[in-house]
C-alpha atoms as a PDB file:
ATOM      1  CA  MET A   1     158.218 184.144 126.491  1.00  0.00           C
ATOM      2  CA  ILE A   2     159.012 181.247 128.488  1.00  0.00           C
ATOM      3  CA  LEU A   3     161.872 181.213 131.038  1.00  0.00           C
ATOM      4  CA  LEU A   4     163.288 177.632 130.921  1.00  0.00           C
ATOM      5  CA  MET A   5     165.691 176.461 133.907  1.00  0.00           C
ATOM      6  CA  LYS A   6     167.158 172.938 135.113  1.00  0.00           C
ATOM      7  CA  GLY A   7     169.115 172.469 138.284  1.00  0.00           C
ATOM      8  CA  LEU A   8     170.211 170.105 141.010  1.00  0.00           C
ATOM      9  CA  ASN A   9     170.415 171.356 144.640  1.00  0.00           C
ATOM     10  CA  GLU A  10     170.442 175.025 143.921  1.00  0.00           C
ATOM     11  CA  GLU A  11     168.923 176.315 147.148  1.00  0.00           C
ATOM     12  CA  LYS A  12     171.542 178.831 147.804  1.00  0.00           C
ATOM     13  CA  SER A  13     170.973 180.572 144.356  1.00  0.00           C
ATOM     14  CA  VAL A  14     167.427 180.639 144.086  1.00  0.00           C
ATOM     15  CA  GLU A  15     166.496 183.880 145.583  1.00  0.00           C
ATOM     16  CA  ARG A  16     169.235 185.595 143.709  1.00  0.00           C
ATOM     17  CA  VAL A  17     168.306 184.235 140.253  1.00  0.00           C
ATOM     18  CA  MET A  18     164.306 184.729 140.897  1.00  0.00           C
ATOM     19  CA  GLY A  19     165.464 188.456 142.235  1.00  0.00           C
ATOM     20  CA  ASN A  20     167.019 188.695 138.663  1.00  0.00           C
ATOM     21  CA  THR A  21     164.370 187.054 136.684  1.00  0.00           C
ATOM     22  CA  HIS A  22     161.042 186.621 138.419  1.00  0.00           C
ATOM     23  CA  ASP A  23     159.255 189.942 138.136  1.00  0.00           C
ATOM     24  CA  GLU A  24     160.268 190.761 134.324  1.00  0.00           C
ATOM     25  CA  PRO A  25     157.247 191.103 132.546  1.00  0.00           C
ATOM     26  CA  TYR A  26     158.123 189.322 129.184  1.00  0.00           C
ATOM     27  CA  PHE A  27     158.669 186.278 131.337  1.00  0.00           C
ATOM     28  CA  GLU A  28     154.873 185.083 131.349  1.00  0.00           C
ATOM     29  CA  ARG A  29     156.034 181.206 132.889  1.00  0.00           C
ATOM     30  CA  ILE A  30     159.030 180.173 134.363  1.00  0.00           C
ATOM     31  CA  ILE A  31     159.639 176.287 134.049  1.00  0.00           C
ATOM     32  CA  VAL A  32     162.224 174.718 136.065  1.00  0.00           C
ATOM     33  CA  ILE A  33     163.223 170.480 135.422  1.00  0.00           C
ATOM     34  CA  ASP A  34     164.746 169.806 138.973  1.00  0.00           C
ATOM     35  CA  GLY A  35     167.179 166.812 139.017  1.00  0.00           C
ATOM     36  CA  GLY A  36     166.160 165.125 142.192  1.00  0.00           C
ATOM     37  CA  SER A  37     167.560 167.868 144.848  1.00  0.00           C
ATOM     38  CA  SER A  38     168.365 166.568 148.215  1.00  0.00           C
ATOM     39  CA  ASP A  39     167.988 170.305 149.524  1.00  0.00           C
ATOM     40  CA  PHE A  40     165.377 172.814 149.692  1.00  0.00           C
ATOM     41  CA  THR A  41     165.474 173.835 146.372  1.00  0.00           C
ATOM     42  CA  VAL A  42     161.837 172.746 144.850  1.00  0.00           C
ATOM     43  CA  HIS A  43     160.356 174.358 148.539  1.00  0.00           C
ATOM     44  CA  ALA A  44     162.343 177.407 147.762  1.00  0.00           C
ATOM     45  CA  LEU A  45     161.070 177.947 144.159  1.00  0.00           C
ATOM     46  CA  ARG A  46     157.618 177.404 145.230  1.00  0.00           C
ATOM     47  CA  GLN A  47     157.734 180.615 147.445  1.00  0.00           C
ATOM     48  CA  TYR A  48     157.511 182.257 144.178  1.00  0.00           C
ATOM     49  CA  ASP A  49     154.303 182.873 141.964  1.00  0.00           C
ATOM     50  CA  LYS A  50     155.583 181.970 138.637  1.00  0.00           C
ATOM     51  CA  PRO A  51     157.932 178.877 138.972  1.00  0.00           C
ATOM     52  CA  GLU A  52     156.630 175.639 137.722  1.00  0.00           C
ATOM     53  CA  VAL A  53     158.787 172.688 138.909  1.00  0.00           C
ATOM     54  CA  PHE A  54     158.763 169.194 137.290  1.00  0.00           C
ATOM     55  CA  VAL A  55     161.303 166.645 139.036  1.00  0.00           C
ATOM     56  CA  HIS A  56     163.057 164.599 136.813  1.00  0.00           C
ATOM     57  CA  PRO A  57     166.016 162.414 138.680  1.00  0.00           C
ATOM     58  CA  TRP A  58     169.425 163.427 137.496  1.00  0.00           C
ATOM     59  CA  TYR A  59     171.947 160.403 136.809  1.00  0.00           C
ATOM     60  CA  ASN A  60     175.639 160.860 137.075  1.00  0.00           C
ATOM     61  CA  TRP A  61     176.331 160.473 133.444  1.00  0.00           C
ATOM     62  CA  TYR A  62     177.243 164.185 133.230  1.00  0.00           C
ATOM     63  CA  HIS A  63     177.659 165.149 129.523  1.00  0.00           C
ATOM     64  CA  ASP A  64     174.695 162.723 128.582  1.00  0.00           C
ATOM     65  CA  MET A  65     172.514 163.570 131.615  1.00  0.00           C
ATOM     66  CA  GLU A  66     173.038 167.179 130.377  1.00  0.00           C
ATOM     67  CA  VAL A  67     171.467 166.613 126.957  1.00  0.00           C
ATOM     68  CA  LEU A  68     168.858 164.421 128.427  1.00  0.00           C
ATOM     69  CA  GLN A  69     167.738 166.969 131.072  1.00  0.00           C
ATOM     70  CA  SER A  70     167.948 169.638 128.250  1.00  0.00           C
ATOM     71  CA  ASN A  71     165.526 167.434 125.913  1.00  0.00           C
ATOM     72  CA  ILE A  72     163.324 166.964 128.630  1.00  0.00           C
ATOM     73  CA  ALA A  73     162.983 170.628 129.474  1.00  0.00           C
ATOM     74  CA  LEU A  74     162.247 171.612 125.896  1.00  0.00           C
ATOM     75  CA  SER A  75     159.539 169.051 125.620  1.00  0.00           C
ATOM     76  CA  TYR A  76     157.556 171.259 128.414  1.00  0.00           C
ATOM     77  CA  VAL A  77     157.420 174.034 125.938  1.00  0.00           C
ATOM     78  CA  PRO A  78     154.403 173.998 123.450  1.00  0.00           C
ATOM     79  CA  HIS A  79     155.454 174.280 119.838  1.00  0.00           C
ATOM     80  CA  GLY A  80     155.600 177.787 118.494  1.00  0.00           C
ATOM     81  CA  GLN A  81     156.206 179.123 122.008  1.00  0.00           C
ATOM     82  CA  MET A  82     159.508 181.486 122.522  1.00  0.00           C
ATOM     83  CA  LEU A  83     161.915 180.237 125.515  1.00  0.00           C
ATOM     84  CA  PHE A  84     164.809 181.768 127.299  1.00  0.00           C
ATOM     85  CA  ILE A  85     167.429 179.075 128.695  1.00  0.00           C
ATOM     86  CA  LEU A  86     169.094 180.410 131.977  1.00  0.00           C
ATOM     87  CA  ASP A  87     171.137 178.521 134.411  1.00  0.00           C
ATOM     88  CA  PHE A  88     171.302 178.834 138.031  1.00  0.00           C
ATOM     89  CA  ASP A  89     174.678 180.461 138.125  1.00  0.00           C
ATOM     90  CA  GLU A  90     173.740 183.100 135.130  1.00  0.00           C
ATOM     91  CA  ARG A  91     172.766 186.492 135.634  1.00  0.00           C
ATOM     92  CA  LEU A  92     171.137 188.758 132.990  1.00  0.00           C
ATOM     93  CA  THR A  93     172.658 191.965 132.574  1.00  0.00           C
ATOM     94  CA  ASP A  94     170.298 195.249 132.289  1.00  0.00           C
ATOM     95  CA  GLY A  95     171.204 195.454 128.756  1.00  0.00           C
ATOM     96  CA  LEU A  96     170.246 192.016 127.874  1.00  0.00           C
ATOM     97  CA  LYS A  97     166.933 192.611 129.896  1.00  0.00           C
ATOM     98  CA  ARG A  98     166.133 195.445 127.614  1.00  0.00           C
ATOM     99  CA  GLU A  99     167.125 193.565 124.668  1.00  0.00           C
ATOM    100  CA  LEU A 100     164.865 190.671 125.496  1.00  0.00           C
ATOM    101  CA  HIS A 101     161.929 192.863 126.223  1.00  0.00           C
ATOM    102  CA  LYS A 102     162.428 194.251 122.619  1.00  0.00           C
ATOM    103  CA  VAL A 103     162.632 190.681 121.240  1.00  0.00           C
ATOM    104  CA  ASP A 104     159.814 189.524 123.156  1.00  0.00           C
ATOM    105  CA  GLY A 105     157.760 192.491 121.672  1.00  0.00           C
ATOM    106  CA  MET A 106     159.008 191.871 117.986  1.00  0.00           C
ATOM    107  CA  PHE A 107     157.775 188.138 118.388  1.00  0.00           C
ATOM    108  CA  LYS A 108     154.213 188.964 119.585  1.00  0.00           C
ATOM    109  CA  ASP A 109     153.911 191.332 116.600  1.00  0.00           C
ATOM    110  CA  GLY A 110     155.073 188.823 114.300  1.00  0.00           C
ATOM    111  CA  ALA A 111     158.124 190.804 113.525  1.00  0.00           C
ATOM    112  CA  PHE A 112     160.657 188.176 114.685  1.00  0.00           C
ATOM    113  CA  SER A 113     161.922 186.435 111.796  1.00  0.00           C
ATOM    114  CA  PHE A 114     164.562 184.002 113.760  1.00  0.00           C
ATOM    115  CA  ARG A 115     164.412 180.646 115.274  1.00  0.00           C
ATOM    116  CA  ILE A 116     167.265 180.869 117.782  1.00  0.00           C
ATOM    117  CA  GLY A 117     169.325 183.378 119.155  1.00  0.00           C
ATOM    118  CA  HIS A 118     172.719 183.462 120.661  1.00  0.00           C
ATOM    119  CA  VAL A 119     174.032 185.284 123.589  1.00  0.00           C
ATOM    120  CA  PRO A 120     177.515 186.466 124.434  1.00  0.00           C
ATOM    121  CA  ARG A 121     178.449 185.248 127.850  1.00  0.00           C
ATOM    122  CA  ARG A 122     181.136 186.484 130.183  1.00  0.00           C
ATOM    123  CA  THR A 123     182.376 184.082 133.147  1.00  0.00           C
ATOM    124  CA  TYR A 124     183.849 185.564 136.035  1.00  0.00           C
ATOM    125  CA  GLU A 125     186.045 183.994 138.872  1.00  0.00           C
ATOM    126  CA  PRO A 126     184.380 185.109 142.458  1.00  0.00           C
ATOM    127  CA  LEU A 127     186.624 186.821 144.843  1.00  0.00           C
ATOM    128  CA  ARG A 128     186.785 184.087 147.594  1.00  0.00           C
ATOM    129  CA  PHE A 129     187.881 184.296 151.278  1.00  0.00           C
ATOM    130  CA  PRO A 130     191.628 183.981 152.342  1.00  0.00           C
ATOM    131  CA  GLU A 131     192.709 180.017 152.524  1.00  0.00           C
ATOM    132  CA  SER A 132     188.949 179.378 151.729  1.00  0.00           C
ATOM    133  CA  PRO A 133     186.977 177.713 148.930  1.00  0.00           C
ATOM    134  CA  TYR A 134     183.947 180.163 149.766  1.00  0.00           C
ATOM    135  CA  ALA A 135     183.136 182.946 147.364  1.00  0.00           C
ATOM    136  CA  MET A 136     182.437 186.271 149.158  1.00  0.00           C
ATOM    137  CA  VAL A 137     178.763 187.474 148.020  1.00  0.00           C
ATOM    138  CA  ASP A 138     177.196 190.884 147.709  1.00  0.00           C
ATOM    139  CA  GLU A 139     175.085 191.608 150.554  1.00  0.00           C
ATOM    140  CA  ASP A 140     172.451 193.510 148.892  1.00  0.00           C
ATOM    141  CA  ASP A 141     171.721 190.980 145.733  1.00  0.00           C
ATOM    142  CA  GLY A 142     173.299 187.895 147.039  1.00  0.00           C
ATOM    143  CA  TRP A 143     175.343 187.253 143.456  1.00  0.00           C
ATOM    144  CA  PRO A 144     179.406 186.544 144.145  1.00  0.00           C
ATOM    145  CA  ILE A 145     181.483 189.747 144.149  1.00  0.00           C
ATOM    146  CA  VAL A 146     183.642 189.436 140.736  1.00  0.00           C
ATOM    147  CA  SER A 147     187.402 188.643 141.052  1.00  0.00           C
ATOM    148  CA  ARG A 148     188.625 188.540 137.380  1.00  0.00           C
ATOM    149  CA  GLN A 149     187.020 187.474 134.220  1.00  0.00           C
ATOM    150  CA  ILE A 150     188.125 183.950 133.087  1.00  0.00           C
ATOM    151  CA  GLY A 151     187.428 181.709 129.950  1.00  0.00           C
ATOM    152  CA  GLN A 152     186.696 182.578 126.461  1.00  0.00           C
ATOM    153  CA  TYR A 153     184.394 185.580 125.417  1.00  0.00           C
ATOM    154  CA  PRO A 154     182.035 186.226 123.722  1.00  0.00           C
ATOM    155  CA  ASP A 155     181.351 182.500 124.369  1.00  0.00           C
ATOM    156  CA  TYR A 156     177.909 182.917 122.325  1.00  0.00           C
ATOM    157  CA  GLN A 157     175.415 180.359 123.852  1.00  0.00           C
ATOM    158  CA  CYS A 158     172.230 179.240 122.136  1.00  0.00           C
ATOM    159  CA  ARG A 159     169.446 180.607 124.510  1.00  0.00           C
ATOM    160  CA  LEU A 160     166.850 181.937 122.847  1.00  0.00           C
ATOM    161  CA  ILE A 161     164.716 179.543 120.874  1.00  0.00           C
ATOM    162  CA  VAL A 162     161.096 179.386 119.245  1.00  0.00           C
ATOM    163  CA  ARG A 163     160.343 175.831 119.702  1.00  0.00           C
ATOM    164  CA  GLU A 164     159.308 173.877 116.616  1.00  0.00           C
ATOM    165  CA  VAL A 165     158.930 170.197 115.917  1.00  0.00           C
ATOM    166  CA  GLY A 166     161.983 168.298 115.546  1.00  0.00           C
ATOM    167  CA  MET A 167     164.479 170.579 117.809  1.00  0.00           C
ATOM    168  CA  HIS A 168     166.522 168.741 119.791  1.00  0.00           C
ATOM    169  CA  TRP A 169     170.083 169.062 121.635  1.00  0.00           C
ATOM    170  CA  VAL A 170     172.781 166.645 120.830  1.00  0.00           C
ATOM    171  CA  ASN A 171     175.973 166.319 122.857  1.00  0.00           C
ATOM    172  CA  SER A 172     176.207 169.204 125.164  1.00  0.00           C
ATOM    173  CA  PRO A 173     173.366 171.703 125.222  1.00  0.00           C
ATOM    174  CA  HIS A 174     175.475 174.540 125.279  1.00  0.00           C
ATOM    175  CA  HIS A 175     176.775 173.757 121.793  1.00  0.00           C
ATOM    176  CA  VAL A 176     174.766 171.983 119.551  1.00  0.00           C
ATOM    177  CA  LEU A 177     170.758 172.410 118.319  1.00  0.00           C
ATOM    178  CA  PHE A 178     169.287 170.370 116.054  1.00  0.00           C
ATOM    179  CA  PRO A 179     168.090 170.750 112.990  1.00  0.00           C
ATOM    180  CA  PRO A 180     171.248 172.750 111.968  1.00  0.00           C
ATOM    181  CA  ASP A 181     171.368 176.005 110.109  1.00  0.00           C
ATOM    182  CA  ILE A 182     168.431 177.439 112.123  1.00  0.00           C
ATOM    183  CA  PRO A 183     168.166 181.346 111.233  1.00  0.00           C
ATOM    184  CA  ALA A 184     169.964 182.922 114.205  1.00  0.00           C
ATOM    185  CA  TYR A 185     169.485 186.193 115.751  1.00  0.00           C
ATOM    186  CA  THR A 186     172.697 187.620 117.607  1.00  0.00           C
ATOM    187  CA  PHE A 187     172.260 189.520 120.797  1.00  0.00           C
ATOM    188  CA  GLU A 188     174.313 192.646 121.475  1.00  0.00           C
ATOM    189  CA  HIS A 189     174.499 192.243 125.457  1.00  0.00           C
ATOM    190  CA  ASP A 190     176.116 189.866 127.886  1.00  0.00           C
ATOM    191  CA  LEU A 191     174.958 186.903 129.862  1.00  0.00           C
ATOM    192  CA  GLU A 192     177.110 186.827 133.255  1.00  0.00           C
ATOM    193  CA  HIS A 193     178.162 183.453 134.519  1.00  0.00           C
ATOM    194  CA  PHE A 194     179.930 183.105 137.821  1.00  0.00           C
ATOM    195  CA  ASP A 195     182.103 179.811 138.520  1.00  0.00           C
ATOM    196  CA  LYS A 196     180.699 178.084 141.456  1.00  0.00           C
ATOM    197  CA  ASP A 197     180.573 179.344 144.958  1.00  0.00           C
ATOM    198  CA  ASP A 198     182.272 176.615 146.558  1.00  0.00           C
ATOM    199  CA  LEU A 199     185.172 175.893 144.455  1.00  0.00           C
ATOM    200  CA  ARG A 200     185.096 172.101 145.808  1.00  0.00           C
ATOM    201  CA  ASP A 201     181.939 172.164 143.759  1.00  0.00           C
ATOM    202  CA  ARG A 202     183.573 172.841 140.451  1.00  0.00           C
ATOM    203  CA  ILE A 203     186.242 170.207 141.254  1.00  0.00           C
ATOM    204  CA  ARG A 204     183.547 167.651 141.858  1.00  0.00           C
ATOM    205  CA  ILE A 205     182.155 168.612 138.179  1.00  0.00           C
ATOM    206  CA  GLU A 206     185.742 168.163 136.554  1.00  0.00           C
ATOM    207  CA  LYS A 207     186.046 165.224 138.244  1.00  0.00           C
ATOM    208  CA  LEU A 208     182.794 163.787 136.456  1.00  0.00           C
ATOM    209  CA  TRP A 209     184.206 165.076 133.187  1.00  0.00           C
ATOM    210  CA  LEU A 210     187.073 163.024 133.470  1.00  0.00           C
ATOM    211  CA  ARG A 211     184.937 160.004 134.541  1.00  0.00           C
ATOM    212  CA  ALA A 212     183.471 160.086 131.339  1.00  0.00           C
ATOM    213  CA  GLN A 213     186.472 160.520 129.586  1.00  0.00           C
ATOM    214  CA  ALA A 214     187.876 157.426 131.511  1.00  0.00           C
ATOM    215  CA  ARG A 215     184.732 155.228 130.873  1.00  0.00           C
ATOM    216  CA  ARG A 216     184.861 156.069 127.079  1.00  0.00           C
ATOM    217  CA  LYS A 217     188.674 155.173 127.028  1.00  0.00           C
ATOM    218  CA  GLU A 218     187.775 151.820 129.018  1.00  0.00           C
ATOM    219  CA  LEU A 219     184.978 150.898 126.162  1.00  0.00           C
ATOM    220  CA  GLY A 220     187.743 151.634 123.434  1.00  0.00           C
ATOM    221  CA  LEU A 221     185.300 154.424 122.023  1.00  0.00           C
ATOM    222  CA  SER A 222     186.636 157.321 120.392  1.00  0.00           C
ATOM    223  CA  CYS A 223     187.228 160.746 122.218  1.00  0.00           C
ATOM    224  CA  ASP A 224     184.103 163.137 122.492  1.00  0.00           C
ATOM    225  CA  ARG A 225     184.355 166.717 121.392  1.00  0.00           C
ATOM    226  CA  PHE A 226     184.616 168.067 124.941  1.00  0.00           C
ATOM    227  CA  GLU A 227     187.844 165.481 125.935  1.00  0.00           C
ATOM    228  CA  CYS A 228     189.905 167.693 128.414  1.00  0.00           C
ATOM    229  CA  LYS A 229     193.508 167.465 129.295  1.00  0.00           C
ATOM    230  CA  PRO A 230     193.155 166.882 133.339  1.00  0.00           C
ATOM    231  CA  LYS A 231     194.463 169.223 135.728  1.00  0.00           C
ATOM    232  CA  ARG A 232     197.487 168.154 137.604  1.00  0.00           C
ATOM    233  CA  ASP A 233     196.090 167.795 140.938  1.00  0.00           C
ATOM    234  CA  ILE A 234     193.116 165.330 139.583  1.00  0.00           C
ATOM    235  CA  ALA A 235     194.791 163.550 136.761  1.00  0.00           C
ATOM    236  CA  GLU A 236     194.274 160.168 138.358  1.00  0.00           C
ATOM    237  CA  CYS A 237     190.718 160.574 137.488  1.00  0.00           C
ATOM    238  CA  ALA A 238     191.202 160.057 133.769  1.00  0.00           C
ATOM    239  CA  ASP A 239     192.680 156.513 134.569  1.00  0.00           C
ATOM    240  CA  PRO A 240     189.689 153.802 134.384  1.00  0.00           C
ATOM    241  CA  LYS A 241     191.221 152.038 136.891  1.00  0.00           C
ATOM    242  CA  TYR A 242     190.391 154.694 139.864  1.00  0.00           C
ATOM    243  CA  TRP A 243     186.687 154.526 139.244  1.00  0.00           C
ATOM    244  CA  ARG A 244     186.621 150.475 139.489  1.00  0.00           C
ATOM    245  CA  ASP A 245     186.556 150.663 143.294  1.00  0.00           C
END
């Protein structure tokens, strides 16, 4: 099985993610698509044996760039190979590790009849320092200390794929893999997802979502499926005039 990742400026997350995944025997290769990080992400990854890092510059189109990078990542996986997709802000639970080990064995024995796998994902808000955007982290493993669960659950994510000719992502990679109606396996155990260590990073991302919406509005295009109501404190970012300067 190939662990497939993509990221940009993830230096602070490399050690904890590799600590969670690198030595799992079913991950025979780790392929990382880097968006042209300006920090030491690539250097940090190359301190480990498995990661194979390929740089493809990220442009700030956001949802469009997400799907482009995901299709680039998919192109590095040979046809017929099984892959598992993981983001730098996600952690495999012990139960999910055991299930991945089982699925990998089934695939190698020719007993896995599915082409994709949907994984339930829990999203957590980190505990933050008082009056600060920074998350508190566990000294042992470097992951944020959990404050509370947020978002939807089970929030199924298509993360396991047996690569076939013609497979590609459309729109947001968390939602639509083509062709449709691919036989799917449903995992029992969770993937853990953490909101940004620095809350300001989350706000920046939400502004980029709104920039994409503003641009569509300016061009007279219909809303995309991820159109969202802007938060009050950044509502101005949904106005095309905000981005003209």
